[in-house]
Amino acid sequence: MVLPGLLAMSELPAVTFRILPYDVGEHPLLGASIAILDFPEPTDSGLVYLEGFGRSRNFLRLANEVARYRDEFELLSRRCLDRRRTTAMIDGVLDRND
């Protein structure tokens, strides 16, 4: 089952895994697959990689675009369950399926 694997992966130091509750509702990143890449050069604002339905892919490089996606991601991240509550929710689903 996938859930035990997710719990194991969430223990790795470079992995952050959180659940976004349904009651958050719609948000600007709903249905989006994004990656925000940062680079060591201080003058580089980063890069946003967007992947859509099918094969549509976009790269956003303008500083204001990258900042907008970074801000939305941060807002959404703050609405996720914390680590303890995320783990507890997954454990609860696993217990119900035993």
PDB file of N, CA and C in Angstrom:
ATOM      1  N   MET A   1       0.834  -1.179   0.000  1.00  0.00           N
ATOM      2  CA  MET A   1       0.000   0.000   0.000  1.00  0.00           C
ATOM      3  C   MET A   1       0.882   1.248   0.000  1.00  0.00           C
ATOM      4  N   VAL A   2       0.423   2.300  -0.600  1.00  0.00           N
ATOM      5  CA  VAL A   2       1.189   3.530  -0.769  1.00  0.00           C
ATOM      6  C   VAL A   2       1.385   4.277   0.547  1.00  0.00           C
ATOM      7  N   LEU A   3       0.378   4.309   1.403  1.00  0.00           N
ATOM      8  CA  LEU A   3       0.447   5.130   2.609  1.00  0.00           C
ATOM      9  C   LEU A   3       1.609   4.781   3.537  1.00  0.00           C
ATOM     10  N   PRO A   4       1.895   3.498   3.827  1.00  0.00           N
ATOM     11  CA  PRO A   4       3.068   3.225   4.669  1.00  0.00           C
ATOM     12  C   PRO A   4       4.357   3.749   4.039  1.00  0.00           C
ATOM     13  N   GLY A   5       4.457   3.662   2.726  1.00  0.00           N
ATOM     14  CA  GLY A   5       5.632   4.185   2.037  1.00  0.00           C
ATOM     15  C   GLY A   5       5.763   5.690   2.191  1.00  0.00           C
ATOM     16  N   LEU A   6       4.635   6.389   2.136  1.00  0.00           N
ATOM     17  CA  LEU A   6       4.661   7.834   2.333  1.00  0.00           C
ATOM     18  C   LEU A   6       5.122   8.189   3.735  1.00  0.00           C
ATOM     19  N   LEU A   7       4.653   7.430   4.717  1.00  0.00           N
ATOM     20  CA  LEU A   7       5.088   7.681   6.093  1.00  0.00           C
ATOM     21  C   LEU A   7       6.591   7.479   6.234  1.00  0.00           C
ATOM     22  N   ALA A   8       7.098   6.421   5.637  1.00  0.00           N
ATOM     23  CA  ALA A   8       8.540   6.159   5.706  1.00  0.00           C
ATOM     24  C   ALA A   8       9.315   7.285   5.014  1.00  0.00           C
ATOM     25  N   MET A   9       8.842   7.720   3.850  1.00  0.00           N
ATOM     26  CA  MET A   9       9.519   8.800   3.129  1.00  0.00           C
ATOM     27  C   MET A   9       9.470  10.104   3.905  1.00  0.00           C
ATOM     28  N   SER A  10       8.384  10.343   4.633  1.00  0.00           N
ATOM     29  CA  SER A  10       8.249  11.605   5.366  1.00  0.00           C
ATOM     30  C   SER A  10       9.249  11.725   6.500  1.00  0.00           C
ATOM     31  N   GLU A  11       9.890  10.634   6.884  1.00  0.00           N
ATOM     32  CA  GLU A  11      10.904  10.662   7.937  1.00  0.00           C
ATOM     33  C   GLU A  11      12.276  11.094   7.422  1.00  0.00           C
ATOM     34  N   LEU A  12      12.447  11.124   6.105  1.00  0.00           N
ATOM     35  CA  LEU A  12      13.733  11.528   5.538  1.00  0.00           C
ATOM     36  C   LEU A  12      13.947  13.025   5.749  1.00  0.00           C
ATOM     37  N   PRO A  13      15.184  13.428   6.024  1.00  0.00           N
ATOM     38  CA  PRO A  13      15.448  14.840   6.354  1.00  0.00           C
ATOM     39  C   PRO A  13      15.138  15.810   5.215  1.00  0.00           C
ATOM     40  N   ALA A  14      15.244  15.392   3.971  1.00  0.00           N
ATOM     41  CA  ALA A  14      15.025  16.304   2.848  1.00  0.00           C
ATOM     42  C   ALA A  14      13.591  16.260   2.324  1.00  0.00           C
ATOM     43  N   VAL A  15      12.704  15.545   3.019  1.00  0.00           N
ATOM     44  CA  VAL A  15      11.325  15.383   2.549  1.00  0.00           C
ATOM     45  C   VAL A  15      10.364  16.082   3.503  1.00  0.00           C
ATOM     46  N   THR A  16       9.474  16.868   2.927  1.00  0.00           N
ATOM     47  CA  THR A  16       8.386  17.469   3.682  1.00  0.00           C
ATOM     48  C   THR A  16       7.095  16.988   3.047  1.00  0.00           C
ATOM     49  N   PHE A  17       6.270  16.356   3.839  1.00  0.00           N
ATOM     50  CA  PHE A  17       5.015  15.805   3.346  1.00  0.00           C
ATOM     51  C   PHE A  17       3.894  16.312   4.244  1.00  0.00           C
ATOM     52  N   ARG A  18       2.926  16.981   3.659  1.00  0.00           N
ATOM     53  CA  ARG A  18       1.801  17.521   4.415  1.00  0.00           C
ATOM     54  C   ARG A  18       0.508  17.258   3.650  1.00  0.00           C
ATOM     55  N   ILE A  19      -0.590  17.172   4.407  1.00  0.00           N
ATOM     56  CA  ILE A  19      -1.909  16.994   3.806  1.00  0.00           C
ATOM     57  C   ILE A  19      -2.629  18.335   3.816  1.00  0.00           C
ATOM     58  N   LEU A  20      -3.225  18.656   2.685  1.00  0.00           N
ATOM     59  CA  LEU A  20      -4.055  19.849   2.573  1.00  0.00           C
ATOM     60  C   LEU A  20      -5.510  19.397   2.753  1.00  0.00           C
ATOM     61  N   PRO A  21      -6.159  19.824   3.833  1.00  0.00           N
ATOM     62  CA  PRO A  21      -7.532  19.370   4.086  1.00  0.00           C
ATOM     63  C   PRO A  21      -8.510  19.829   2.996  1.00  0.00           C
ATOM     64  N   TYR A  22      -9.539  19.029   2.776  1.00  0.00           N
ATOM     65  CA  TYR A  22     -10.566  19.374   1.792  1.00  0.00           C
ATOM     66  C   TYR A  22     -11.233  20.707   2.105  1.00  0.00           C
ATOM     67  N   ASP A  23     -11.395  21.018   3.373  1.00  0.00           N
ATOM     68  CA  ASP A  23     -12.123  22.238   3.722  1.00  0.00           C
ATOM     69  C   ASP A  23     -11.376  23.518   3.350  1.00  0.00           C
ATOM     70  N   VAL A  24     -10.138  23.407   2.856  1.00  0.00           N
ATOM     71  CA  VAL A  24      -9.438  24.570   2.328  1.00  0.00           C
ATOM     72  C   VAL A  24     -10.172  25.079   1.090  1.00  0.00           C
ATOM     73  N   GLY A  25     -10.775  24.155   0.370  1.00  0.00           N
ATOM     74  CA  GLY A  25     -11.559  24.537  -0.808  1.00  0.00           C
ATOM     75  C   GLY A  25     -10.695  24.868  -2.006  1.00  0.00           C
ATOM     76  N   GLU A  26     -11.302  25.600  -2.917  1.00  0.00           N
ATOM     77  CA  GLU A  26     -10.586  25.965  -4.137  1.00  0.00           C
ATOM     78  C   GLU A  26      -9.467  26.954  -3.830  1.00  0.00           C
ATOM     79  N   HIS A  27      -8.420  26.858  -4.628  1.00  0.00           N
ATOM     80  CA  HIS A  27      -7.281  27.758  -4.486  1.00  0.00           C
ATOM     81  C   HIS A  27      -6.610  27.887  -5.839  1.00  0.00           C
ATOM     82  N   PRO A  28      -5.783  28.887  -6.052  1.00  0.00           N
ATOM     83  CA  PRO A  28      -5.193  29.129  -7.374  1.00  0.00           C
ATOM     84  C   PRO A  28      -4.338  27.981  -7.916  1.00  0.00           C
ATOM     85  N   LEU A  29      -3.807  27.124  -7.060  1.00  0.00           N
ATOM     86  CA  LEU A  29      -2.946  26.044  -7.534  1.00  0.00           C
ATOM     87  C   LEU A  29      -3.693  24.719  -7.685  1.00  0.00           C
ATOM     88  N   LEU A  30      -5.006  24.731  -7.506  1.00  0.00           N
ATOM     89  CA  LEU A  30      -5.806  23.520  -7.617  1.00  0.00           C
ATOM     90  C   LEU A  30      -5.654  22.920  -9.015  1.00  0.00           C
ATOM     91  N   GLY A  31      -5.256  21.666  -9.070  1.00  0.00           N
ATOM     92  CA  GLY A  31      -5.081  20.978 -10.343  1.00  0.00           C
ATOM     93  C   GLY A  31      -3.773  21.280 -11.044  1.00  0.00           C
ATOM     94  N   ALA A  32      -2.958  22.106 -10.438  1.00  0.00           N
ATOM     95  CA  ALA A  32      -1.685  22.472 -11.065  1.00  0.00           C
ATOM     96  C   ALA A  32      -0.571  21.556 -10.571  1.00  0.00           C
ATOM     97  N   SER A  33       0.350  21.311 -11.443  1.00  0.00           N
ATOM     98  CA  SER A  33       1.561  20.603 -11.070  1.00  0.00           C
ATOM     99  C   SER A  33       2.705  21.591 -11.285  1.00  0.00           C
ATOM    100  N   ILE A  34       3.312  22.023 -10.191  1.00  0.00           N
ATOM    101  CA  ILE A  34       4.362  23.039 -10.299  1.00  0.00           C
ATOM    102  C   ILE A  34       5.613  22.599  -9.566  1.00  0.00           C
ATOM    103  N   ALA A  35       6.712  23.131 -10.020  1.00  0.00           N
ATOM    104  CA  ALA A  35       7.994  22.995  -9.313  1.00  0.00           C
ATOM    105  C   ALA A  35       8.619  24.386  -9.301  1.00  0.00           C
ATOM    106  N   ILE A  36       9.032  24.819  -8.132  1.00  0.00           N
ATOM    107  CA  ILE A  36       9.710  26.109  -8.005  1.00  0.00           C
ATOM    108  C   ILE A  36      11.180  25.820  -7.753  1.00  0.00           C
ATOM    109  N   LEU A  37      12.015  26.271  -8.659  1.00  0.00           N
ATOM    110  CA  LEU A  37      13.445  26.002  -8.581  1.00  0.00           C
ATOM    111  C   LEU A  37      14.186  27.266  -8.176  1.00  0.00           C
ATOM    112  N   ASP A  38      15.052  27.131  -7.210  1.00  0.00           N
ATOM    113  CA  ASP A  38      15.907  28.234  -6.769  1.00  0.00           C
ATOM    114  C   ASP A  38      17.348  27.908  -7.136  1.00  0.00           C
ATOM    115  N   PHE A  39      18.110  28.949  -7.393  1.00  0.00           N
ATOM    116  CA  PHE A  39      19.496  28.800  -7.803  1.00  0.00           C
ATOM    117  C   PHE A  39      20.387  29.614  -6.876  1.00  0.00           C
ATOM    118  N   PRO A  40      21.662  29.246  -6.753  1.00  0.00           N
ATOM    119  CA  PRO A  40      22.542  29.909  -5.783  1.00  0.00           C
ATOM    120  C   PRO A  40      22.893  31.365  -6.113  1.00  0.00           C
ATOM    121  N   GLU A  41      22.772  31.764  -7.375  1.00  0.00           N
ATOM    122  CA  GLU A  41      23.126  33.137  -7.735  1.00  0.00           C
ATOM    123  C   GLU A  41      22.103  34.100  -7.136  1.00  0.00           C
ATOM    124  N   PRO A  42      22.540  35.086  -6.362  1.00  0.00           N
ATOM    125  CA  PRO A  42      21.602  36.011  -5.717  1.00  0.00           C
ATOM    126  C   PRO A  42      20.781  36.842  -6.703  1.00  0.00           C
ATOM    127  N   THR A  43      21.279  37.017  -7.904  1.00  0.00           N
ATOM    128  CA  THR A  43      20.548  37.809  -8.900  1.00  0.00           C
ATOM    129  C   THR A  43      19.520  36.977  -9.660  1.00  0.00           C
ATOM    130  N   ASP A  44      19.496  35.684  -9.450  1.00  0.00           N
ATOM    131  CA  ASP A  44      18.571  34.797 -10.156  1.00  0.00           C
ATOM    132  C   ASP A  44      17.299  34.648  -9.326  1.00  0.00           C
ATOM    133  N   SER A  45      16.158  35.032  -9.895  1.00  0.00           N
ATOM    134  CA  SER A  45      14.889  34.976  -9.161  1.00  0.00           C
ATOM    135  C   SER A  45      14.309  33.572  -9.096  1.00  0.00           C
ATOM    136  N   GLY A  46      14.913  32.647  -9.804  1.00  0.00           N
ATOM    137  CA  GLY A  46      14.413  31.280  -9.806  1.00  0.00           C
ATOM    138  C   GLY A  46      13.635  30.985 -11.076  1.00  0.00           C
ATOM    139  N   LEU A  47      12.922  29.879 -11.026  1.00  0.00           N
ATOM    140  CA  LEU A  47      12.203  29.387 -12.192  1.00  0.00           C
ATOM    141  C   LEU A  47      10.986  28.617 -11.706  1.00  0.00           C
ATOM    142  N   VAL A  48       9.879  28.782 -12.397  1.00  0.00           N
ATOM    143  CA  VAL A  48       8.683  27.993 -12.110  1.00  0.00           C
ATOM    144  C   VAL A  48       8.437  27.097 -13.312  1.00  0.00           C
ATOM    145  N   TYR A  49       8.287  25.824 -13.044  1.00  0.00           N
ATOM    146  CA  TYR A  49       7.953  24.852 -14.076  1.00  0.00           C
ATOM    147  C   TYR A  49       6.506  24.443 -13.855  1.00  0.00           C
ATOM    148  N   LEU A  50       5.671  24.643 -14.870  1.00  0.00           N
ATOM    149  CA  LEU A  50       4.256  24.283 -14.816  1.00  0.00           C
ATOM    150  C   LEU A  50       4.006  23.136 -15.778  1.00  0.00           C
ATOM    151  N   GLU A  51       3.279  22.153 -15.311  1.00  0.00           N
ATOM    152  CA  GLU A  51       2.911  21.049 -16.193  1.00  0.00           C
ATOM    153  C   GLU A  51       1.402  20.929 -16.183  1.00  0.00           C
ATOM    154  N   GLY A  52       0.819  20.924 -17.361  1.00  0.00           N
ATOM    155  CA  GLY A  52      -0.629  20.859 -17.479  1.00  0.00           C
ATOM    156  C   GLY A  52      -1.097  19.563 -18.082  1.00  0.00           C
ATOM    157  N   PHE A  53      -2.355  19.549 -18.418  1.00  0.00           N
ATOM    158  CA  PHE A  53      -2.979  18.378 -19.020  1.00  0.00           C
ATOM    159  C   PHE A  53      -2.285  18.063 -20.345  1.00  0.00           C
ATOM    160  N   GLY A  54      -2.099  16.787 -20.599  1.00  0.00           N
ATOM    161  CA  GLY A  54      -1.417  16.392 -21.833  1.00  0.00           C
ATOM    162  C   GLY A  54       0.054  16.701 -21.742  1.00  0.00           C
ATOM    163  N   ARG A  55       0.544  17.359 -22.749  1.00  0.00           N
ATOM    164  CA  ARG A  55       1.979  17.639 -22.791  1.00  0.00           C
ATOM    165  C   ARG A  55       2.311  19.115 -22.673  1.00  0.00           C
ATOM    166  N   SER A  56       1.341  19.917 -22.261  1.00  0.00           N
ATOM    167  CA  SER A  56       1.634  21.348 -22.158  1.00  0.00           C
ATOM    168  C   SER A  56       2.540  21.612 -20.958  1.00  0.00           C
ATOM    169  N   ARG A  57       3.635  22.275 -21.229  1.00  0.00           N
ATOM    170  CA  ARG A  57       4.618  22.611 -20.189  1.00  0.00           C
ATOM    171  C   ARG A  57       5.052  24.055 -20.395  1.00  0.00           C
ATOM    172  N   ASN A  58       5.243  24.727 -19.293  1.00  0.00           N
ATOM    173  CA  ASN A  58       5.677  26.126 -19.354  1.00  0.00           C
ATOM    174  C   ASN A  58       6.763  26.365 -18.325  1.00  0.00           C
ATOM    175  N   PHE A  59       7.659  27.258 -18.671  1.00  0.00           N
ATOM    176  CA  PHE A  59       8.680  27.725 -17.745  1.00  0.00           C
ATOM    177  C   PHE A  59       8.472  29.220 -17.561  1.00  0.00           C
ATOM    178  N   LEU A  60       8.373  29.650 -16.322  1.00  0.00           N
ATOM    179  CA  LEU A  60       8.234  31.070 -16.023  1.00  0.00           C
ATOM    180  C   LEU A  60       9.528  31.545 -15.381  1.00  0.00           C
ATOM    181  N   ARG A  61      10.088  32.612 -15.923  1.00  0.00           N
ATOM    182  CA  ARG A  61      11.381  33.106 -15.436  1.00  0.00           C
ATOM    183  C   ARG A  61      11.337  34.538 -14.916  1.00  0.00           C
ATOM    184  N   LEU A  62      10.299  35.279 -15.270  1.00  0.00           N
ATOM    185  CA  LEU A  62      10.232  36.672 -14.822  1.00  0.00           C
ATOM    186  C   LEU A  62      10.090  36.723 -13.308  1.00  0.00           C
ATOM    187  N   ALA A  63      10.816  37.629 -12.684  1.00  0.00           N
ATOM    188  CA  ALA A  63      10.858  37.702 -11.223  1.00  0.00           C
ATOM    189  C   ALA A  63       9.469  37.843 -10.613  1.00  0.00           C
ATOM    190  N   ASN A  64       8.598  38.661 -11.215  1.00  0.00           N
ATOM    191  CA  ASN A  64       7.258  38.850 -10.645  1.00  0.00           C
ATOM    192  C   ASN A  64       6.406  37.588 -10.780  1.00  0.00           C
ATOM    193  N   GLU A  65       6.588  36.816 -11.856  1.00  0.00           N
ATOM    194  CA  GLU A  65       5.850  35.557 -12.009  1.00  0.00           C
ATOM    195  C   GLU A  65       6.312  34.522 -10.993  1.00  0.00           C
ATOM    196  N   VAL A  66       7.609  34.395 -10.844  1.00  0.00           N
ATOM    197  CA  VAL A  66       8.169  33.446  -9.875  1.00  0.00           C
ATOM    198  C   VAL A  66       7.714  33.824  -8.465  1.00  0.00           C
ATOM    199  N   ALA A  67       7.762  35.105  -8.149  1.00  0.00           N
ATOM    200  CA  ALA A  67       7.339  35.566  -6.822  1.00  0.00           C
ATOM    201  C   ALA A  67       5.867  35.260  -6.577  1.00  0.00           C
ATOM    202  N   ARG A  68       5.037  35.436  -7.584  1.00  0.00           N
ATOM    203  CA  ARG A  68       3.596  35.156  -7.440  1.00  0.00           C
ATOM    204  C   ARG A  68       3.346  33.693  -7.108  1.00  0.00           C
ATOM    205  N   TYR A  69       4.003  32.790  -7.820  1.00  0.00           N
ATOM    206  CA  TYR A  69       3.836  31.355  -7.553  1.00  0.00           C
ATOM    207  C   TYR A  69       4.435  30.970  -6.205  1.00  0.00           C
ATOM    208  N   ARG A  70       5.573  31.564  -5.869  1.00  0.00           N
ATOM    209  CA  ARG A  70       6.185  31.276  -4.574  1.00  0.00           C
ATOM    210  C   ARG A  70       5.259  31.729  -3.435  1.00  0.00           C
ATOM    211  N   ASP A  71       4.657  32.905  -3.578  1.00  0.00           N
ATOM    212  CA  ASP A  71       3.728  33.412  -2.558  1.00  0.00           C
ATOM    213  C   ASP A  71       2.505  32.506  -2.423  1.00  0.00           C
ATOM    214  N   GLU A  72       1.921  32.086  -3.538  1.00  0.00           N
ATOM    215  CA  GLU A  72       0.749  31.201  -3.500  1.00  0.00           C
ATOM    216  C   GLU A  72       1.096  29.869  -2.847  1.00  0.00           C
ATOM    217  N   PHE A  73       2.275  29.339  -3.181  1.00  0.00           N
ATOM    218  CA  PHE A  73       2.696  28.072  -2.592  1.00  0.00           C
ATOM    219  C   PHE A  73       2.881  28.205  -1.084  1.00  0.00           C
ATOM    220  N   GLU A  74       3.481  29.302  -0.649  1.00  0.00           N
ATOM    221  CA  GLU A  74       3.682  29.531   0.784  1.00  0.00           C
ATOM    222  C   GLU A  74       2.350  29.672   1.517  1.00  0.00           C
ATOM    223  N   LEU A  75       1.413  30.418   0.931  1.00  0.00           N
ATOM    224  CA  LEU A  75       0.084  30.553   1.543  1.00  0.00           C
ATOM    225  C   LEU A  75      -0.594  29.193   1.683  1.00  0.00           C
ATOM    226  N   LEU A  76      -0.528  28.409   0.629  1.00  0.00           N
ATOM    227  CA  LEU A  76      -1.143  27.085   0.644  1.00  0.00           C
ATOM    228  C   LEU A  76      -0.446  26.165   1.639  1.00  0.00           C
ATOM    229  N   SER A  77       0.860  26.247   1.718  1.00  0.00           N
ATOM    230  CA  SER A  77       1.625  25.418   2.655  1.00  0.00           C
ATOM    231  C   SER A  77       1.230  25.693   4.102  1.00  0.00           C
ATOM    232  N   ARG A  78       0.954  26.954   4.408  1.00  0.00           N
ATOM    233  CA  ARG A  78       0.551  27.305   5.772  1.00  0.00           C
ATOM    234  C   ARG A  78      -0.831  26.750   6.128  1.00  0.00           C
ATOM    235  N   ARG A  79      -1.636  26.415   5.116  1.00  0.00           N
ATOM    236  CA  ARG A  79      -2.974  25.874   5.368  1.00  0.00           C
ATOM    237  C   ARG A  79      -2.968  24.346   5.485  1.00  0.00           C
ATOM    238  N   CYS A  80      -1.830  23.735   5.236  1.00  0.00           N
ATOM    239  CA  CYS A  80      -1.705  22.277   5.365  1.00  0.00           C
ATOM    240  C   CYS A  80      -1.638  21.873   6.835  1.00  0.00           C
ATOM    241  N   LEU A  81      -1.971  20.626   7.085  1.00  0.00           N
ATOM    242  CA  LEU A  81      -1.804  20.081   8.433  1.00  0.00           C
ATOM    243  C   LEU A  81      -0.321  20.047   8.770  1.00  0.00           C
ATOM    244  N   ASP A  82       0.013  20.214  10.043  1.00  0.00           N
ATOM    245  CA  ASP A  82       1.408  20.112  10.435  1.00  0.00           C
ATOM    246  C   ASP A  82       1.848  18.638  10.359  1.00  0.00           C
ATOM    247  N   ARG A  83       3.121  18.419  10.595  1.00  0.00           N
ATOM    248  CA  ARG A  83       3.687  17.061  10.462  1.00  0.00           C
ATOM    249  C   ARG A  83       2.972  16.046  11.351  1.00  0.00           C
ATOM    250  N   ARG A  84       2.734  16.410  12.601  1.00  0.00           N
ATOM    251  CA  ARG A  84       2.096  15.481  13.538  1.00  0.00           C
ATOM    252  C   ARG A  84       0.681  15.128  13.082  1.00  0.00           C
ATOM    253  N   ARG A  85      -0.095  16.143  12.687  1.00  0.00           N
ATOM    254  CA  ARG A  85      -1.479  15.892  12.269  1.00  0.00           C
ATOM    255  C   ARG A  85      -1.537  15.144  10.935  1.00  0.00           C
ATOM    256  N   THR A  86      -0.584  15.411  10.040  1.00  0.00           N
ATOM    257  CA  THR A  86      -0.522  14.669   8.776  1.00  0.00           C
ATOM    258  C   THR A  86      -0.275  13.194   9.053  1.00  0.00           C
ATOM    259  N   THR A  87       0.714  12.907   9.900  1.00  0.00           N
ATOM    260  CA  THR A  87       1.028  11.517  10.249  1.00  0.00           C
ATOM    261  C   THR A  87      -0.156  10.847  10.938  1.00  0.00           C
ATOM    262  N   ALA A  88      -0.809  11.565  11.836  1.00  0.00           N
ATOM    263  CA  ALA A  88      -1.960  11.003  12.546  1.00  0.00           C
ATOM    264  C   ALA A  88      -3.095  10.670  11.576  1.00  0.00           C
ATOM    265  N   MET A  89      -3.315  11.521  10.594  1.00  0.00           N
ATOM    266  CA  MET A  89      -4.377  11.255   9.624  1.00  0.00           C
ATOM    267  C   MET A  89      -4.058  10.005   8.799  1.00  0.00           C
ATOM    268  N   ILE A  90      -2.823   9.868   8.362  1.00  0.00           N
ATOM    269  CA  ILE A  90      -2.431   8.687   7.592  1.00  0.00           C
ATOM    270  C   ILE A  90      -2.528   7.440   8.455  1.00  0.00           C
ATOM    271  N   ASP A  91      -2.052   7.527   9.704  1.00  0.00           N
ATOM    272  CA  ASP A  91      -2.174   6.379  10.618  1.00  0.00           C
ATOM    273  C   ASP A  91      -3.640   5.977  10.803  1.00  0.00           C
ATOM    274  N   GLY A  92      -4.524   6.959  10.907  1.00  0.00           N
ATOM    275  CA  GLY A  92      -5.952   6.676  11.065  1.00  0.00           C
ATOM    276  C   GLY A  92      -6.525   5.955   9.863  1.00  0.00           C
ATOM    277  N   VAL A  93      -6.113   6.344   8.682  1.00  0.00           N
ATOM    278  CA  VAL A  93      -6.579   5.666   7.456  1.00  0.00           C
ATOM    279  C   VAL A  93      -6.044   4.244   7.431  1.00  0.00           C
ATOM    280  N   LEU A  94      -4.781   4.057   7.816  1.00  0.00           N
ATOM    281  CA  LEU A  94      -4.198   2.714   7.841  1.00  0.00           C
ATOM    282  C   LEU A  94      -4.916   1.823   8.850  1.00  0.00           C
ATOM    283  N   ASP A  95      -5.235   2.364  10.041  1.00  0.00           N
ATOM    284  CA  ASP A  95      -5.927   1.595  11.070  1.00  0.00           C
ATOM    285  C   ASP A  95      -7.315   1.155  10.593  1.00  0.00           C
ATOM    286  N   ARG A  96      -8.009   2.007   9.855  1.00  0.00           N
ATOM    287  CA  ARG A  96      -9.339   1.659   9.349  1.00  0.00           C
ATOM    288  C   ARG A  96      -9.281   0.578   8.288  1.00  0.00           C
ATOM    289  N   ASN A  97      -8.145   0.496   7.591  1.00  0.00           N
ATOM    290  CA  ASN A  97      -8.028  -0.475   6.495  1.00  0.00           C
ATOM    291  C   ASN A  97      -7.440  -1.808   6.941  1.00  0.00           C
ATOM    292  N   ASP A  98      -7.089  -1.951   8.206  1.00  0.00           N
ATOM    293  CA  ASP A  98      -6.527  -3.234   8.696  1.00  0.00           C
ATOM    294  C   ASP A  98      -7.616  -4.263   8.915  1.00  0.00           C
TER     295      ASP A  98
END
